[in-house]
Protein backbone atom coordinates (compact mmCIF):
# COMPACT_ATOMS: atom_id res chain seq x y z
CA MET A 1 54.25 51.16 31.93
CA PRO A 2 56.10 51.42 28.76
CA ILE A 3 54.34 52.86 25.56
CA ILE A 4 55.21 52.06 21.96
CA ASP A 5 54.08 54.29 19.11
CA ALA A 6 54.09 51.21 16.63
CA HIS A 7 53.69 53.33 13.55
CA ALA A 8 55.96 56.84 13.00
CA HIS A 9 57.46 58.22 10.12
CA ILE A 10 60.83 60.09 10.35
CA TYR A 11 62.77 62.26 7.65
CA PRO A 12 66.44 63.84 7.27
CA GLU A 13 66.20 67.56 8.75
CA ARG A 14 66.96 68.74 5.55
CA ILE A 15 64.03 67.46 3.47
CA ALA A 16 61.44 67.01 6.41
CA ALA A 17 59.44 69.75 5.58
CA LYS A 18 59.13 68.85 2.09
CA ALA A 19 58.45 65.34 2.63
CA VAL A 20 55.38 66.41 5.15
CA SER A 21 54.17 68.84 2.98
CA ALA A 22 53.96 66.01 0.37
CA VAL A 23 52.20 63.33 2.77
CA GLY A 24 49.68 66.09 3.28
CA ARG A 25 49.12 66.76 -0.26
CA PHE A 26 48.54 62.95 -0.97
CA TYR A 27 45.98 62.59 1.61
CA GLY A 28 44.43 66.28 1.22
CA MET A 29 45.47 67.41 4.51
CA GLU A 30 48.38 69.60 3.82
CA ARG A 31 47.25 72.33 6.50
CA ALA A 32 46.74 70.03 9.16
CA MET A 33 49.73 67.86 9.35
CA THR A 34 50.86 68.31 13.06
CA GLY A 35 54.79 67.33 13.11
CA LYS A 36 58.01 68.74 11.48
CA GLY A 37 58.78 65.12 10.76
CA SER A 38 62.27 65.22 11.98
CA PRO A 39 63.57 62.79 14.42
CA ALA A 40 64.26 65.52 16.99
CA ASP A 41 60.62 66.61 16.95
CA LEU A 42 59.36 63.12 17.23
CA LEU A 43 61.25 62.63 20.40
CA GLU A 44 60.42 65.65 22.08
CA ARG A 45 56.75 65.08 21.56
CA GLY A 46 57.40 61.31 22.73
CA ARG A 47 59.17 62.81 26.02
CA ASP A 48 56.22 65.22 26.69
CA ALA A 49 53.74 62.50 26.17
CA GLY A 50 55.54 59.81 27.92
CA ILE A 51 56.01 57.50 24.90
CA THR A 52 59.40 55.31 25.47
CA ARG A 53 59.68 53.76 22.13
CA PHE A 54 58.56 54.32 18.51
CA VAL A 55 58.56 52.08 15.52
CA VAL A 56 59.91 54.40 12.86
CA HIS A 57 60.18 54.12 8.95
CA SER A 58 60.10 56.16 5.52
CA VAL A 59 58.74 54.90 2.15
CA ALA A 60 60.90 54.60 -1.08
CA THR A 61 58.77 55.84 -3.99
CA THR A 62 61.69 55.37 -6.09
CA PRO A 63 64.05 52.25 -6.12
CA HIS A 64 67.51 54.13 -5.72
CA ALA A 65 65.87 55.62 -2.61
CA VAL A 66 66.01 52.37 -0.94
CA THR A 67 69.60 52.20 0.54
CA THR A 68 69.63 55.93 1.26
CA ILE A 69 66.41 55.54 3.26
CA ASN A 70 67.42 52.52 5.36
CA ASP A 71 71.15 53.94 5.84
CA PHE A 72 69.17 56.70 7.65
CA ILE A 73 66.60 54.79 9.63
CA ALA A 74 69.72 52.37 11.15
CA ALA A 75 71.99 55.53 11.74
CA GLN A 76 68.68 57.09 13.70
CA CYS A 77 68.10 54.07 15.83
CA ALA A 78 71.83 53.36 16.54
CA ASP A 79 71.91 57.43 17.86
CA HIS A 80 68.58 56.98 19.39
CA PRO A 81 67.55 53.59 21.67
CA GLU A 82 63.90 55.11 21.60
CA PHE A 83 63.59 54.13 17.74
CA ILE A 84 62.58 50.69 16.67
CA GLY A 85 63.71 50.90 12.77
CA PHE A 86 61.85 49.53 9.85
CA ALA A 87 63.59 49.31 6.56
CA THR A 88 62.01 50.10 3.30
CA MET A 89 61.75 48.32 -0.09
CA HIS A 90 60.58 49.13 -3.65
CA PRO A 91 59.24 46.64 -6.45
CA ASP A 92 61.76 47.69 -8.82
CA PHE A 93 64.52 47.39 -6.47
CA GLU A 94 67.21 44.82 -8.23
CA ASP A 95 68.74 43.10 -5.43
CA MET A 96 66.13 42.64 -2.77
CA GLU A 97 67.64 39.61 -1.08
CA GLY A 98 71.03 41.58 -0.86
CA GLU A 99 69.47 44.82 0.66
CA VAL A 100 67.28 42.70 3.03
CA ASP A 101 70.26 40.52 4.25
CA ARG A 102 72.08 44.48 4.65
CA ALA A 103 69.23 46.03 6.37
CA LEU A 104 68.74 43.15 9.00
CA ALA A 105 72.48 43.34 9.49
CA MET A 106 72.53 46.88 10.48
CA GLY A 107 69.84 45.83 13.10
CA LEU A 108 66.46 46.92 11.21
CA ARG A 109 63.47 45.07 12.50
CA GLY A 110 61.36 44.82 9.64
CA PHE A 111 60.14 46.16 6.55
CA LYS A 112 57.52 48.86 5.65
CA LEU A 113 55.80 49.27 2.30
CA HIS A 114 53.19 52.03 1.11
CA PRO A 115 51.28 50.56 -2.06
CA ASP A 116 49.11 53.36 -2.60
CA THR A 117 52.30 55.92 -2.63
CA GLN A 118 54.61 53.21 -4.52
CA GLU A 119 51.62 52.98 -7.00
CA VAL A 120 52.03 49.03 -6.76
CA ASN A 121 49.46 46.49 -6.20
CA MET A 122 50.04 44.86 -2.76
CA ASP A 123 50.08 41.45 -4.36
CA ASP A 124 52.26 42.46 -7.41
CA GLU A 125 54.43 39.61 -8.24
CA ARG A 126 57.42 41.46 -7.70
CA LEU A 127 56.15 42.08 -4.02
CA MET A 128 55.40 38.58 -3.74
CA ARG A 129 59.00 37.66 -4.29
CA PHE A 130 59.94 40.21 -1.51
CA TYR A 131 57.58 38.56 0.86
CA GLU A 132 58.97 35.14 0.16
CA ILE A 133 62.37 36.40 1.06
CA ILE A 134 61.37 38.01 4.45
CA ALA A 135 59.08 35.43 5.52
CA GLY A 136 59.99 33.84 8.41
CA ARG A 137 62.92 36.38 8.99
CA ALA A 138 61.29 39.90 9.75
CA PRO A 139 57.71 41.34 10.00
CA LEU A 140 56.31 43.88 7.83
CA VAL A 141 54.05 46.65 8.24
CA VAL A 142 52.10 47.56 5.07
CA HIS A 143 49.95 50.55 4.46
CA THR A 144 46.42 48.94 3.73
CA GLY A 145 43.11 50.44 2.32
CA ASP A 146 42.39 53.74 0.85
CA TYR A 147 38.94 54.52 -0.70
CA ARG A 148 40.67 56.47 -3.63
CA HIS A 149 43.12 53.30 -4.65
CA ASP A 150 43.01 49.73 -5.24
CA PHE A 151 46.52 49.06 -4.68
CA SER A 152 46.24 48.45 -1.33
CA HIS A 153 42.84 46.72 -0.85
CA PRO A 154 42.49 44.71 2.42
CA ARG A 155 41.50 41.73 -0.23
CA ARG A 156 44.94 41.88 -1.75
CA LEU A 157 46.61 41.40 1.86
CA ALA A 158 44.11 38.36 2.19
CA ARG A 159 45.61 36.77 -0.75
CA ILE A 160 49.10 37.53 0.36
CA LEU A 161 48.53 36.03 3.85
CA LYS A 162 47.18 32.78 2.32
CA ALA A 163 50.20 32.38 0.08
CA PHE A 164 53.05 33.07 3.19
CA PRO A 165 52.24 31.28 6.12
CA ASP A 166 55.28 32.28 7.95
CA LEU A 167 54.78 35.98 7.08
CA VAL A 168 54.03 38.21 10.36
CA VAL A 169 52.13 41.41 9.15
CA ASP A 170 50.88 44.85 10.54
CA ALA A 171 47.93 45.85 8.13
CA ALA A 172 48.39 49.29 8.91
CA HIS A 173 45.22 51.75 9.88
CA LEU A 174 43.07 49.02 11.50
CA GLY A 175 43.60 46.83 8.33
CA GLY A 176 41.95 49.20 5.96
CA TRP A 177 42.22 52.99 5.95
CA SER A 178 38.91 54.64 5.35
CA VAL A 179 37.44 51.37 4.72
CA PHE A 180 37.99 50.27 8.29
CA ASP A 181 34.67 48.25 8.53
CA VAL A 182 35.13 46.51 5.09
CA ALA A 183 39.01 45.64 6.36
CA PHE A 184 37.52 43.62 9.16
CA ASP A 185 34.89 41.89 7.12
CA VAL A 186 37.54 40.85 4.52
CA LEU A 187 40.54 40.08 6.83
CA HIS A 188 38.82 38.66 9.79
CA GLU A 189 38.53 34.94 8.82
CA ASP A 190 42.24 34.83 8.40
CA LEU A 191 42.51 36.68 11.55
CA LEU A 192 40.51 34.22 13.64
CA ARG A 193 43.26 31.24 12.67
CA GLU A 194 46.14 33.34 12.48
CA GLU A 195 48.40 34.94 15.19
CA ARG A 196 50.60 36.38 12.90
CA LEU A 197 48.15 39.15 11.70
CA PHE A 198 48.35 42.33 13.47
CA VAL A 199 46.66 46.00 12.95
CA ASP A 200 47.89 49.14 14.24
CA ALA A 201 45.14 51.79 15.28
CA SER A 202 47.27 55.02 13.55
CA SER A 203 45.22 57.27 11.19
CA SER A 204 41.96 55.81 12.31
CA LEU A 205 40.50 57.82 15.44
CA ALA A 206 39.77 60.93 13.56
CA TRP A 207 37.62 59.08 11.45
CA VAL A 208 36.04 56.08 13.59
CA GLY A 209 35.82 57.99 16.89
CA ARG A 210 36.30 56.52 20.38
CA ARG A 211 33.01 54.30 20.69
CA HIS A 212 33.89 52.54 17.20
CA MET A 213 37.59 52.56 18.22
CA ARG A 214 36.67 50.40 21.37
CA GLU A 215 34.26 48.18 19.37
CA LEU A 216 36.97 47.59 16.36
CA VAL A 217 39.56 46.79 19.13
CA ARG A 218 37.44 44.22 20.51
CA LEU A 219 36.31 42.68 17.16
CA TRP A 220 40.04 42.35 16.07
CA GLY A 221 40.93 41.27 19.46
CA ALA A 222 43.00 43.28 21.86
CA ASP A 223 46.09 41.03 21.79
CA ARG A 224 46.27 42.37 18.09
CA VAL A 225 45.79 45.87 17.89
CA MET A 226 48.56 48.14 18.48
CA PHE A 227 48.82 52.11 19.38
CA GLY A 228 50.06 53.92 16.50
CA SER A 229 50.11 57.95 15.83
CA ASP A 230 51.15 58.24 12.10
CA TYR A 231 53.47 61.07 12.96
CA PRO A 232 53.87 63.67 11.41
CA MET A 233 50.35 63.46 10.48
CA TRP A 234 48.91 63.27 13.94
CA ASP A 235 50.46 64.22 17.39
CA PRO A 236 51.48 61.10 19.39
CA GLY A 237 50.54 62.55 22.60
CA LEU A 238 47.12 63.59 21.53
CA GLU A 239 46.60 60.33 20.10
CA LEU A 240 47.62 58.78 23.27
CA GLU A 241 44.99 60.50 25.36
CA GLU A 242 42.24 60.00 22.52
CA MET A 243 43.20 55.95 22.83
CA ARG A 244 43.09 56.18 26.60
CA ALA A 245 39.54 57.83 25.90
CA CYS A 246 38.08 55.12 24.35
CA GLY A 247 36.87 53.26 27.36
CA LEU A 248 39.17 50.28 26.92
CA SER A 249 39.90 48.32 30.17
CA ASP A 250 43.29 48.38 31.80
CA ASP A 251 44.36 44.69 30.43
CA GLU A 252 43.08 45.90 26.77
CA LEU A 253 44.95 49.37 27.11
CA GLU A 254 48.17 47.38 28.14
CA ARG A 255 48.16 45.26 25.36
CA VAL A 256 47.39 47.69 22.60
CA LEU A 257 49.75 50.44 24.18
CA TRP A 258 52.96 48.34 24.42
CA ARG A 259 52.56 44.39 24.72
CA ASN A 260 51.27 43.73 21.33
CA ALA A 261 54.01 45.93 19.78
CA VAL A 262 56.63 43.78 21.65
CA ALA A 263 55.22 40.65 20.18
CA PHE A 264 54.93 41.95 16.35
CA THR A 265 58.46 43.46 16.55
CA GLY A 266 60.16 40.97 18.91
CA ILE A 267 62.25 43.54 20.85
CA GLU A 268 62.77 42.96 24.52
CA ALA A 269 60.07 44.44 26.76
């Protein structure tokens, strides 16, 4: 069975250690970060765990980093067929439409935003313009939820979903990192009538545990939840073991571990 990790971050070798440290500091987990952040380290861990594909991305915290990051992700995907590349965008990037066209022409499959580290409301008017550009053309992975910030609150995503009926979204971290149950309460009404809203389970198991993960998968629907590790924060192989130990049925696991990611990204199985 193929296995797709739907949420992983990679960085150029020369800056990987610095990037991993910065992410760890942001979440207060600098000493707990597992991976090196490099493409080679992720691929090695994937081979050891039997993970066949990874959705990979990075986040632009400044406008001038957008094209550099997108070039890097595209180059890594060209070199490593295991990678499914998602581009980045920044709310202050001048030519959003041009960069969307360029990223898709390079073979990138979608886009990733992180409102908290980018310090912008998810439903800021600058980003609403971006969603208008990509709706119906490419899916979006968006970090959602953080009890410390309001930038990515699930209610903002609900507004976006209502405004753009053709936008396909992965609300990362079960729809709301650290506010997992609030996320379901806020989003489930849209979810129940929309097949275009997915969630990934990255950076969730350590907080919700196996029993509640099983419950949340079934609340959201096993055809909407995707396995994800949030590498380099967590080890993909260990996260995969935990997901398999949650007590899901074989059919539920098959959907979570690869079928839903195929549907979300539009890749061939």
